[in-house]
């Protein structure tokens, strides 16, 4: 639902980008449930739960891609948005329908991506 306050998990390996995204989310009325920069920590946070939707940077600094996290979220029925600078291969087929948030982020792009992710879960 547009205008709904959501709790958001951020998986982003660039600290300044993560901080900017946190600021954008909070200014839009959302709560940041947690921020992490790697696949293993993200999997732990997904297992712990406590958030409504996640924003996942596709390529992380450790050279890993975020697909194991996306798989776990999908299995749990938790919506997510893929964040990318556009320099990656297309997502695996099981995640091809996930909304994409292009970097650099703009505050105007965040809400529609979250709405689309959450709407697809209920569609």
N, C-alpha and C. Protein backbone atom coordinates (compact mmCIF):
# COMPACT_ATOMS: atom_id res chain seq x y z
N UNK A 1 0.84 -1.19 0.00
CA UNK A 1 0.00 0.00 0.00
C UNK A 1 0.88 1.25 0.00
N UNK A 2 0.65 2.17 -0.90
CA UNK A 2 1.41 3.40 -0.88
C UNK A 2 1.20 4.13 0.44
N UNK A 3 2.27 4.74 0.93
CA UNK A 3 2.19 5.48 2.17
C UNK A 3 2.29 4.62 3.42
N UNK A 4 2.45 3.31 3.25
CA UNK A 4 2.58 2.42 4.39
C UNK A 4 3.99 2.49 4.93
N UNK A 5 4.10 2.60 6.24
CA UNK A 5 5.42 2.57 6.87
C UNK A 5 5.88 1.11 6.95
N UNK A 6 7.07 0.87 6.47
CA UNK A 6 7.62 -0.48 6.45
C UNK A 6 8.93 -0.54 7.21
N UNK A 7 9.24 -1.72 7.68
CA UNK A 7 10.54 -1.99 8.29
C UNK A 7 11.40 -2.63 7.22
N UNK A 8 12.59 -2.06 6.97
CA UNK A 8 13.40 -2.44 5.82
C UNK A 8 14.78 -2.94 6.24
N UNK A 9 15.18 -4.09 5.70
CA UNK A 9 16.53 -4.59 5.85
C UNK A 9 17.33 -4.12 4.64
N UNK A 10 18.52 -3.56 4.88
CA UNK A 10 19.39 -3.10 3.81
C UNK A 10 20.62 -3.99 3.75
N UNK A 11 20.90 -4.54 2.57
CA UNK A 11 22.14 -5.27 2.33
C UNK A 11 22.91 -4.46 1.30
N UNK A 12 23.94 -3.76 1.76
CA UNK A 12 24.70 -2.83 0.91
C UNK A 12 26.13 -2.77 1.45
N UNK A 13 27.12 -2.97 0.57
CA UNK A 13 28.50 -3.03 1.01
C UNK A 13 29.25 -1.70 0.98
N UNK A 14 28.64 -0.67 0.45
CA UNK A 14 29.27 0.65 0.44
C UNK A 14 28.68 1.48 1.58
N UNK A 15 29.46 1.77 2.62
CA UNK A 15 28.91 2.46 3.80
C UNK A 15 28.20 3.78 3.49
N UNK A 16 28.77 4.59 2.61
CA UNK A 16 28.13 5.88 2.31
C UNK A 16 26.79 5.69 1.59
N UNK A 17 26.73 4.71 0.71
CA UNK A 17 25.47 4.42 0.01
C UNK A 17 24.44 3.89 1.00
N UNK A 18 24.88 3.01 1.90
CA UNK A 18 23.97 2.47 2.92
C UNK A 18 23.42 3.60 3.79
N UNK A 19 24.28 4.52 4.21
CA UNK A 19 23.83 5.64 5.05
C UNK A 19 22.85 6.54 4.30
N UNK A 20 23.11 6.78 3.03
CA UNK A 20 22.20 7.60 2.24
C UNK A 20 20.84 6.91 2.11
N UNK A 21 20.87 5.60 1.86
CA UNK A 21 19.63 4.85 1.74
C UNK A 21 18.86 4.86 3.05
N UNK A 22 19.56 4.70 4.17
CA UNK A 22 18.92 4.79 5.49
C UNK A 22 18.21 6.13 5.65
N UNK A 23 18.92 7.21 5.29
CA UNK A 23 18.33 8.56 5.40
C UNK A 23 17.09 8.70 4.52
N UNK A 24 17.18 8.22 3.29
CA UNK A 24 16.04 8.29 2.38
C UNK A 24 14.85 7.53 2.95
N UNK A 25 15.10 6.30 3.42
CA UNK A 25 14.00 5.49 3.96
C UNK A 25 13.34 6.16 5.16
N UNK A 26 14.17 6.68 6.07
CA UNK A 26 13.62 7.34 7.26
C UNK A 26 12.84 8.59 6.88
N UNK A 27 13.32 9.35 5.90
CA UNK A 27 12.60 10.56 5.50
C UNK A 27 11.29 10.21 4.81
N UNK A 28 11.19 9.00 4.26
CA UNK A 28 9.94 8.53 3.64
C UNK A 28 8.99 7.90 4.67
N UNK A 29 9.42 7.84 5.93
CA UNK A 29 8.56 7.32 6.99
C UNK A 29 8.75 5.84 7.28
N UNK A 30 9.82 5.25 6.75
CA UNK A 30 10.09 3.83 7.00
C UNK A 30 11.09 3.69 8.15
N UNK A 31 11.21 2.47 8.66
CA UNK A 31 12.18 2.18 9.71
C UNK A 31 13.23 1.24 9.12
N UNK A 32 14.49 1.47 9.47
CA UNK A 32 15.56 0.58 9.04
C UNK A 32 15.72 -0.49 10.11
N UNK A 33 15.41 -1.73 9.74
CA UNK A 33 15.48 -2.84 10.69
C UNK A 33 16.91 -3.31 10.90
N UNK A 34 17.76 -3.07 9.92
CA UNK A 34 19.15 -3.48 10.02
C UNK A 34 19.85 -3.20 8.71
N UNK A 35 21.17 -3.08 8.81
CA UNK A 35 22.01 -2.87 7.64
C UNK A 35 23.20 -3.80 7.76
N UNK A 36 23.53 -4.48 6.68
CA UNK A 36 24.70 -5.34 6.68
C UNK A 36 25.36 -5.27 5.31
N UNK A 37 26.60 -5.80 5.23
CA UNK A 37 27.36 -5.65 3.99
C UNK A 37 27.83 -6.96 3.37
N UNK A 38 27.34 -8.09 3.88
CA UNK A 38 27.79 -9.36 3.32
C UNK A 38 26.69 -10.41 3.35
N UNK A 39 26.90 -11.45 2.56
CA UNK A 39 25.90 -12.50 2.41
C UNK A 39 25.67 -13.24 3.73
N UNK A 40 26.74 -13.62 4.43
CA UNK A 40 26.57 -14.41 5.65
C UNK A 40 25.80 -13.65 6.73
N UNK A 41 26.16 -12.38 6.93
CA UNK A 41 25.44 -11.57 7.92
C UNK A 41 23.99 -11.37 7.49
N UNK A 42 23.78 -11.16 6.20
CA UNK A 42 22.41 -10.97 5.70
C UNK A 42 21.57 -12.22 5.94
N UNK A 43 22.15 -13.39 5.71
CA UNK A 43 21.42 -14.64 5.95
C UNK A 43 21.03 -14.76 7.42
N UNK A 44 21.92 -14.35 8.32
CA UNK A 44 21.61 -14.36 9.75
C UNK A 44 20.45 -13.42 10.06
N UNK A 45 20.46 -12.23 9.48
CA UNK A 45 19.39 -11.26 9.72
C UNK A 45 18.07 -11.73 9.14
N UNK A 46 18.12 -12.37 7.98
CA UNK A 46 16.90 -12.92 7.38
C UNK A 46 16.32 -14.00 8.29
N UNK A 47 17.19 -14.85 8.83
CA UNK A 47 16.73 -15.91 9.73
C UNK A 47 16.09 -15.33 10.98
N UNK A 48 16.62 -14.20 11.46
CA UNK A 48 16.08 -13.55 12.66
C UNK A 48 14.75 -12.87 12.38
N UNK A 49 14.54 -12.43 11.14
CA UNK A 49 13.28 -11.78 10.77
C UNK A 49 13.14 -10.40 11.37
N UNK A 50 11.89 -9.94 11.48
CA UNK A 50 11.62 -8.64 12.09
C UNK A 50 11.62 -7.49 11.11
N UNK A 51 11.47 -7.77 9.82
CA UNK A 51 11.39 -6.70 8.82
C UNK A 51 10.35 -7.09 7.78
N UNK A 52 9.85 -6.07 7.05
CA UNK A 52 8.79 -6.28 6.07
C UNK A 52 9.30 -6.51 4.66
N UNK A 53 10.41 -5.89 4.31
CA UNK A 53 10.93 -5.90 2.95
C UNK A 53 12.44 -5.65 3.03
N UNK A 54 13.18 -6.12 2.03
CA UNK A 54 14.63 -5.92 2.00
C UNK A 54 15.04 -5.24 0.71
N UNK A 55 16.12 -4.47 0.79
CA UNK A 55 16.76 -3.90 -0.39
C UNK A 55 18.14 -4.54 -0.47
N UNK A 56 18.39 -5.27 -1.56
CA UNK A 56 19.59 -6.08 -1.70
C UNK A 56 20.50 -5.56 -2.80
N UNK A 57 21.70 -5.14 -2.43
CA UNK A 57 22.72 -4.82 -3.41
C UNK A 57 23.13 -6.15 -4.06
N UNK A 58 23.12 -6.22 -5.38
CA UNK A 58 23.37 -7.48 -6.07
C UNK A 58 24.80 -7.97 -5.90
N UNK A 59 25.78 -7.09 -6.12
CA UNK A 59 27.19 -7.48 -6.03
C UNK A 59 27.83 -6.87 -4.80
N UNK A 60 28.36 -7.73 -3.95
CA UNK A 60 28.95 -7.27 -2.70
C UNK A 60 30.48 -7.31 -2.79
N UNK A 61 31.13 -6.54 -1.90
CA UNK A 61 32.58 -6.39 -1.95
C UNK A 61 33.35 -7.70 -1.82
N UNK A 62 32.81 -8.64 -1.10
CA UNK A 62 33.54 -9.90 -0.90
C UNK A 62 33.54 -10.76 -2.17
N UNK A 63 33.05 -10.18 -3.27
CA UNK A 63 33.04 -10.90 -4.53
C UNK A 63 31.84 -11.80 -4.71
N UNK A 64 31.01 -11.86 -3.70
CA UNK A 64 29.82 -12.71 -3.77
C UNK A 64 28.64 -11.91 -4.27
N UNK A 65 27.69 -12.62 -4.84
CA UNK A 65 26.43 -11.98 -5.22
C UNK A 65 25.38 -12.36 -4.18
N UNK A 66 24.32 -11.61 -4.14
CA UNK A 66 23.34 -11.68 -3.07
C UNK A 66 22.29 -12.78 -3.28
N UNK A 67 22.44 -13.60 -4.30
CA UNK A 67 21.39 -14.57 -4.63
C UNK A 67 21.03 -15.53 -3.50
N UNK A 68 21.95 -16.01 -2.67
CA UNK A 68 21.52 -16.87 -1.56
C UNK A 68 20.55 -16.15 -0.60
N UNK A 69 20.75 -14.86 -0.44
CA UNK A 69 19.86 -14.07 0.42
C UNK A 69 18.49 -13.92 -0.26
N UNK A 70 18.50 -13.63 -1.56
CA UNK A 70 17.25 -13.50 -2.30
C UNK A 70 16.48 -14.83 -2.27
N UNK A 71 17.21 -15.94 -2.41
CA UNK A 71 16.56 -17.26 -2.35
C UNK A 71 15.87 -17.46 -1.00
N UNK A 72 16.57 -17.12 0.07
CA UNK A 72 16.02 -17.31 1.43
C UNK A 72 14.81 -16.42 1.65
N UNK A 73 14.88 -15.17 1.18
CA UNK A 73 13.74 -14.26 1.32
C UNK A 73 12.54 -14.79 0.54
N UNK A 74 12.78 -15.25 -0.68
CA UNK A 74 11.69 -15.78 -1.50
C UNK A 74 11.04 -16.98 -0.80
N UNK A 75 11.88 -17.87 -0.27
CA UNK A 75 11.37 -19.06 0.43
C UNK A 75 10.53 -18.67 1.65
N UNK A 76 10.90 -17.56 2.29
CA UNK A 76 10.19 -17.10 3.48
C UNK A 76 8.96 -16.26 3.13
N UNK A 77 8.80 -15.93 1.85
CA UNK A 77 7.67 -15.09 1.44
C UNK A 77 7.87 -13.63 1.78
N UNK A 78 9.12 -13.20 1.93
CA UNK A 78 9.44 -11.81 2.25
C UNK A 78 9.84 -11.07 0.98
N UNK A 79 9.17 -9.97 0.67
CA UNK A 79 9.49 -9.24 -0.56
C UNK A 79 10.85 -8.56 -0.49
N UNK A 80 11.43 -8.32 -1.66
CA UNK A 80 12.71 -7.64 -1.73
C UNK A 80 12.85 -6.88 -3.03
N UNK A 81 13.76 -5.92 -3.01
CA UNK A 81 14.11 -5.11 -4.17
C UNK A 81 15.58 -5.38 -4.46
N UNK A 82 15.94 -5.52 -5.72
CA UNK A 82 17.33 -5.68 -6.11
C UNK A 82 17.91 -4.32 -6.45
N UNK A 83 19.07 -4.01 -5.90
CA UNK A 83 19.73 -2.74 -6.16
C UNK A 83 20.99 -3.02 -6.97
N UNK A 84 21.15 -2.28 -8.06
CA UNK A 84 22.30 -2.53 -8.93
C UNK A 84 22.73 -1.27 -9.65
N UNK A 85 24.02 -1.22 -9.90
CA UNK A 85 24.58 -0.14 -10.70
C UNK A 85 24.49 -0.44 -12.18
N UNK A 86 23.95 -1.62 -12.50
CA UNK A 86 23.76 -1.97 -13.90
C UNK A 86 24.91 -2.72 -14.52
N UNK A 87 25.96 -3.03 -13.76
CA UNK A 87 27.12 -3.71 -14.31
C UNK A 87 27.13 -5.19 -13.92
N UNK A 88 25.97 -5.80 -13.90
CA UNK A 88 25.88 -7.21 -13.51
C UNK A 88 25.05 -7.96 -14.53
N UNK A 89 25.18 -9.27 -14.50
CA UNK A 89 24.35 -10.12 -15.35
C UNK A 89 22.91 -10.02 -14.87
N UNK A 90 21.96 -10.37 -15.75
CA UNK A 90 20.57 -10.39 -15.31
C UNK A 90 20.40 -11.34 -14.12
N UNK A 91 19.39 -11.09 -13.29
CA UNK A 91 19.18 -11.97 -12.14
C UNK A 91 18.80 -13.38 -12.59
N UNK A 92 19.00 -14.37 -11.72
CA UNK A 92 18.54 -15.71 -12.03
C UNK A 92 17.03 -15.70 -12.31
N UNK A 93 16.57 -16.65 -13.08
CA UNK A 93 15.17 -16.68 -13.51
C UNK A 93 14.20 -16.56 -12.35
N UNK A 94 14.50 -17.20 -11.20
CA UNK A 94 13.56 -17.17 -10.08
C UNK A 94 13.43 -15.78 -9.46
N UNK A 95 14.34 -14.86 -9.82
CA UNK A 95 14.27 -13.49 -9.27
C UNK A 95 14.07 -12.45 -10.37
N UNK A 96 13.76 -12.89 -11.58
CA UNK A 96 13.64 -11.96 -12.71
C UNK A 96 12.50 -10.97 -12.53
N UNK A 97 11.50 -11.33 -11.71
CA UNK A 97 10.36 -10.43 -11.51
C UNK A 97 10.55 -9.44 -10.36
N UNK A 98 11.67 -9.56 -9.64
CA UNK A 98 11.91 -8.64 -8.51
C UNK A 98 12.11 -7.23 -9.04
N UNK A 99 11.55 -6.24 -8.36
CA UNK A 99 11.78 -4.86 -8.77
C UNK A 99 13.26 -4.51 -8.64
N UNK A 100 13.73 -3.63 -9.50
CA UNK A 100 15.13 -3.21 -9.50
C UNK A 100 15.19 -1.72 -9.16
N UNK A 101 16.09 -1.40 -8.24
CA UNK A 101 16.35 -0.02 -7.86
C UNK A 101 17.73 0.32 -8.40
N UNK A 102 17.78 1.21 -9.38
CA UNK A 102 19.05 1.55 -10.03
C UNK A 102 19.87 2.50 -9.17
N UNK A 103 21.18 2.26 -9.17
CA UNK A 103 22.10 3.19 -8.52
C UNK A 103 22.58 4.17 -9.58
N UNK A 104 22.84 5.40 -9.21
CA UNK A 104 22.69 5.95 -7.86
C UNK A 104 21.22 6.11 -7.48
N UNK A 105 20.93 5.83 -6.21
CA UNK A 105 19.57 5.92 -5.71
C UNK A 105 19.05 7.34 -5.78
N UNK A 106 17.77 7.46 -6.07
CA UNK A 106 17.10 8.74 -5.89
C UNK A 106 15.94 8.48 -4.94
N UNK A 107 15.63 9.43 -4.13
CA UNK A 107 14.57 9.26 -3.14
C UNK A 107 13.24 8.96 -3.83
N UNK A 108 13.03 9.54 -5.02
CA UNK A 108 11.77 9.33 -5.73
C UNK A 108 11.60 7.91 -6.26
N UNK A 109 12.69 7.17 -6.41
CA UNK A 109 12.61 5.81 -6.95
C UNK A 109 12.37 4.76 -5.87
N UNK A 110 12.63 5.10 -4.62
CA UNK A 110 12.58 4.10 -3.54
C UNK A 110 11.16 3.63 -3.25
N UNK A 111 10.26 4.57 -3.03
CA UNK A 111 8.88 4.20 -2.67
C UNK A 111 8.20 3.33 -3.72
N UNK A 112 8.28 3.69 -5.02
CA UNK A 112 7.66 2.83 -6.03
C UNK A 112 8.26 1.41 -6.05
N UNK A 113 9.56 1.29 -5.84
CA UNK A 113 10.19 -0.03 -5.82
C UNK A 113 9.70 -0.85 -4.63
N UNK A 114 9.59 -0.22 -3.47
CA UNK A 114 9.08 -0.92 -2.29
C UNK A 114 7.61 -1.32 -2.49
N UNK A 115 6.82 -0.39 -3.03
CA UNK A 115 5.41 -0.70 -3.29
C UNK A 115 5.27 -1.87 -4.25
N UNK A 116 6.09 -1.86 -5.29
CA UNK A 116 6.01 -2.94 -6.28
C UNK A 116 6.41 -4.27 -5.64
N UNK A 117 7.48 -4.27 -4.85
CA UNK A 117 7.92 -5.52 -4.20
C UNK A 117 6.83 -6.07 -3.29
N UNK A 118 6.26 -5.21 -2.49
CA UNK A 118 5.24 -5.66 -1.54
C UNK A 118 3.94 -6.02 -2.24
N UNK A 119 3.62 -5.32 -3.31
CA UNK A 119 2.42 -5.62 -4.07
C UNK A 119 2.51 -6.94 -4.79
N UNK A 120 3.70 -7.26 -5.29
CA UNK A 120 3.88 -8.54 -5.99
C UNK A 120 3.69 -9.71 -5.05
N UNK A 121 4.05 -9.53 -3.80
CA UNK A 121 3.90 -10.62 -2.83
C UNK A 121 2.43 -10.97 -2.65
N UNK A 122 1.57 -9.96 -2.71
CA UNK A 122 0.15 -10.18 -2.46
C UNK A 122 -0.65 -10.40 -3.75
N UNK A 123 0.01 -10.27 -4.88
CA UNK A 123 -0.70 -10.39 -6.16
C UNK A 123 -1.05 -11.83 -6.49
